[in-house]
Amino acid sequence: MFLSGKGRVISSGHFNTKNNKKMSVLTVQINGEIHKFFGSGKVPQFNFGDMIEFLLIAQKQEGQGYTFYLAKAEEISKKTEQ
């Protein structure tokens, strides 16, 4: 299942896994709540306060709720300029 949304960036960063795979971590404020998402290293770096649109992949976990993977994110102001 895919979910799209908008939010304000709290923090953004990249890191390498043990397998040398580049990953991103993005903390976003959505409707007053803070959420942290992990995604591929292809997600760009954002600054504190940037407004972004994002796309999440939701996967149902057996015996649990959903886990969310950040598929795509882009800054709203840059998107409207193009």
C-alpha atoms as a PDB file:
ATOM      1  CA  MET A   1       0.000   0.000   0.000  1.00  0.00           C
ATOM      2  CA  PHE A   2       1.252   3.497  -0.837  1.00  0.00           C
ATOM      3  CA  LEU A   3       0.591   6.576   1.286  1.00  0.00           C
ATOM      4  CA  SER A   4       1.399  10.157   0.370  1.00  0.00           C
ATOM      5  CA  GLY A   5       1.577  13.166   2.642  1.00  0.00           C
ATOM      6  CA  LYS A   6       3.070  16.537   3.474  1.00  0.00           C
ATOM      7  CA  GLY A   7       5.036  17.626   6.512  1.00  0.00           C
ATOM      8  CA  ARG A   8       7.747  19.850   7.985  1.00  0.00           C
ATOM      9  CA  VAL A   9      11.275  18.456   8.304  1.00  0.00           C
ATOM     10  CA  ILE A  10      12.665  18.204  11.843  1.00  0.00           C
ATOM     11  CA  SER A  11      15.869  16.349  10.905  1.00  0.00           C
ATOM     12  CA  SER A  12      17.339  14.627   7.878  1.00  0.00           C
ATOM     13  CA  GLY A  13      20.408  12.477   7.440  1.00  0.00           C
ATOM     14  CA  HIS A  14      22.125   9.590   5.676  1.00  0.00           C
ATOM     15  CA  PHE A  15      24.102   6.623   6.964  1.00  0.00           C
ATOM     16  CA  ASN A  16      25.679   3.400   5.685  1.00  0.00           C
ATOM     17  CA  THR A  17      24.557  -0.022   6.875  1.00  0.00           C
ATOM     18  CA  LYS A  18      26.923  -2.888   7.729  1.00  0.00           C
ATOM     19  CA  ASN A  19      26.516  -4.041   4.106  1.00  0.00           C
ATOM     20  CA  ASN A  20      27.611  -0.590   2.827  1.00  0.00           C
ATOM     21  CA  LYS A  21      24.090   0.204   1.661  1.00  0.00           C
ATOM     22  CA  LYS A  22      23.333   3.943   1.856  1.00  0.00           C
ATOM     23  CA  MET A  23      20.136   4.717   3.792  1.00  0.00           C
ATOM     24  CA  SER A  24      18.315   7.889   4.787  1.00  0.00           C
ATOM     25  CA  VAL A  25      16.484   8.789   7.964  1.00  0.00           C
ATOM     26  CA  LEU A  26      13.925  11.582   7.993  1.00  0.00           C
ATOM     27  CA  THR A  27      12.052  12.979  10.988  1.00  0.00           C
ATOM     28  CA  VAL A  28       8.920  14.869   9.936  1.00  0.00           C
ATOM     29  CA  GLN A  29       6.195  16.770  11.794  1.00  0.00           C
ATOM     30  CA  ILE A  30       2.767  15.856  10.384  1.00  0.00           C
ATOM     31  CA  ASN A  31      -0.334  17.487  11.886  1.00  0.00           C
ATOM     32  CA  GLY A  32       1.586  18.258  15.080  1.00  0.00           C
ATOM     33  CA  GLU A  33       2.906  14.690  15.517  1.00  0.00           C
ATOM     34  CA  ILE A  34       6.540  13.667  14.997  1.00  0.00           C
ATOM     35  CA  HIS A  35       7.274  10.616  12.812  1.00  0.00           C
ATOM     36  CA  LYS A  36      10.598   9.017  11.834  1.00  0.00           C
ATOM     37  CA  PHE A  37      10.951   7.226   8.497  1.00  0.00           C
ATOM     38  CA  PHE A  38      13.797   5.242   6.956  1.00  0.00           C
ATOM     39  CA  GLY A  39      14.370   5.064   3.213  1.00  0.00           C
ATOM     40  CA  SER A  40      16.891   4.593   0.446  1.00  0.00           C
ATOM     41  CA  GLY A  41      19.990   6.740   0.171  1.00  0.00           C
ATOM     42  CA  LYS A  42      18.483   8.345  -2.947  1.00  0.00           C
ATOM     43  CA  VAL A  43      16.236  10.555  -0.786  1.00  0.00           C
ATOM     44  CA  PRO A  44      17.802  14.051  -0.810  1.00  0.00           C
ATOM     45  CA  GLN A  45      19.097  15.896   2.245  1.00  0.00           C
ATOM     46  CA  PHE A  46      16.640  18.460   3.671  1.00  0.00           C
ATOM     47  CA  ASN A  47      17.052  21.346   6.114  1.00  0.00           C
ATOM     48  CA  PHE A  48      15.143  21.967   9.338  1.00  0.00           C
ATOM     49  CA  GLY A  49      11.790  23.593   8.561  1.00  0.00           C
ATOM     50  CA  ASP A  50      11.567  22.555   4.900  1.00  0.00           C
ATOM     51  CA  MET A  51       8.039  21.641   3.789  1.00  0.00           C
ATOM     52  CA  ILE A  52       8.094  18.367   1.857  1.00  0.00           C
ATOM     53  CA  GLU A  53       5.797  15.963   0.071  1.00  0.00           C
ATOM     54  CA  PHE A  54       6.604  12.300   0.549  1.00  0.00           C
ATOM     55  CA  LEU A  55       5.511   8.833  -0.525  1.00  0.00           C
ATOM     56  CA  LEU A  56       5.570   5.897   1.897  1.00  0.00           C
ATOM     57  CA  ILE A  57       5.322   2.177   1.288  1.00  0.00           C
ATOM     58  CA  ALA A  58       3.293   0.513   4.058  1.00  0.00           C
ATOM     59  CA  GLN A  59       3.937  -3.177   4.746  1.00  0.00           C
ATOM     60  CA  LYS A  60       1.712  -5.249   7.038  1.00  0.00           C
ATOM     61  CA  GLN A  61       3.771  -7.116   9.629  1.00  0.00           C
ATOM     62  CA  GLU A  62       2.547 -10.487  10.843  1.00  0.00           C
ATOM     63  CA  GLY A  63       0.983 -10.098  14.298  1.00  0.00           C
ATOM     64  CA  GLN A  64       1.774  -6.364  14.374  1.00  0.00           C
ATOM     65  CA  GLY A  65       0.717  -3.168  12.666  1.00  0.00           C
ATOM     66  CA  TYR A  66       2.397  -1.656   9.642  1.00  0.00           C
ATOM     67  CA  THR A  67       5.968  -0.634   8.973  1.00  0.00           C
ATOM     68  CA  PHE A  68       6.604   2.349   6.708  1.00  0.00           C
ATOM     69  CA  TYR A  69       9.448   2.784   4.231  1.00  0.00           C
ATOM     70  CA  LEU A  70      10.202   6.176   2.697  1.00  0.00           C
ATOM     71  CA  ALA A  71      10.051   5.723  -1.084  1.00  0.00           C
ATOM     72  CA  LYS A  72      10.301   9.337  -2.268  1.00  0.00           C
ATOM     73  CA  ALA A  73      10.463  12.872  -0.864  1.00  0.00           C
ATOM     74  CA  GLU A  74      10.830  16.317  -2.386  1.00  0.00           C
ATOM     75  CA  GLU A  75      10.688  19.876  -1.136  1.00  0.00           C
ATOM     76  CA  ILE A  76       7.367  21.550  -1.972  1.00  0.00           C
ATOM     77  CA  SER A  77       8.803  24.945  -2.998  1.00  0.00           C
ATOM     78  CA  LYS A  78      11.262  23.346  -5.449  1.00  0.00           C
ATOM     79  CA  LYS A  79       8.473  21.228  -6.929  1.00  0.00           C
ATOM     80  CA  THR A  80       6.248  24.261  -7.628  1.00  0.00           C
ATOM     81  CA  GLU A  81       9.108  26.200  -9.296  1.00  0.00           C
ATOM     82  CA  GLN A  82       9.500  23.592 -12.065  1.00  0.00           C
END
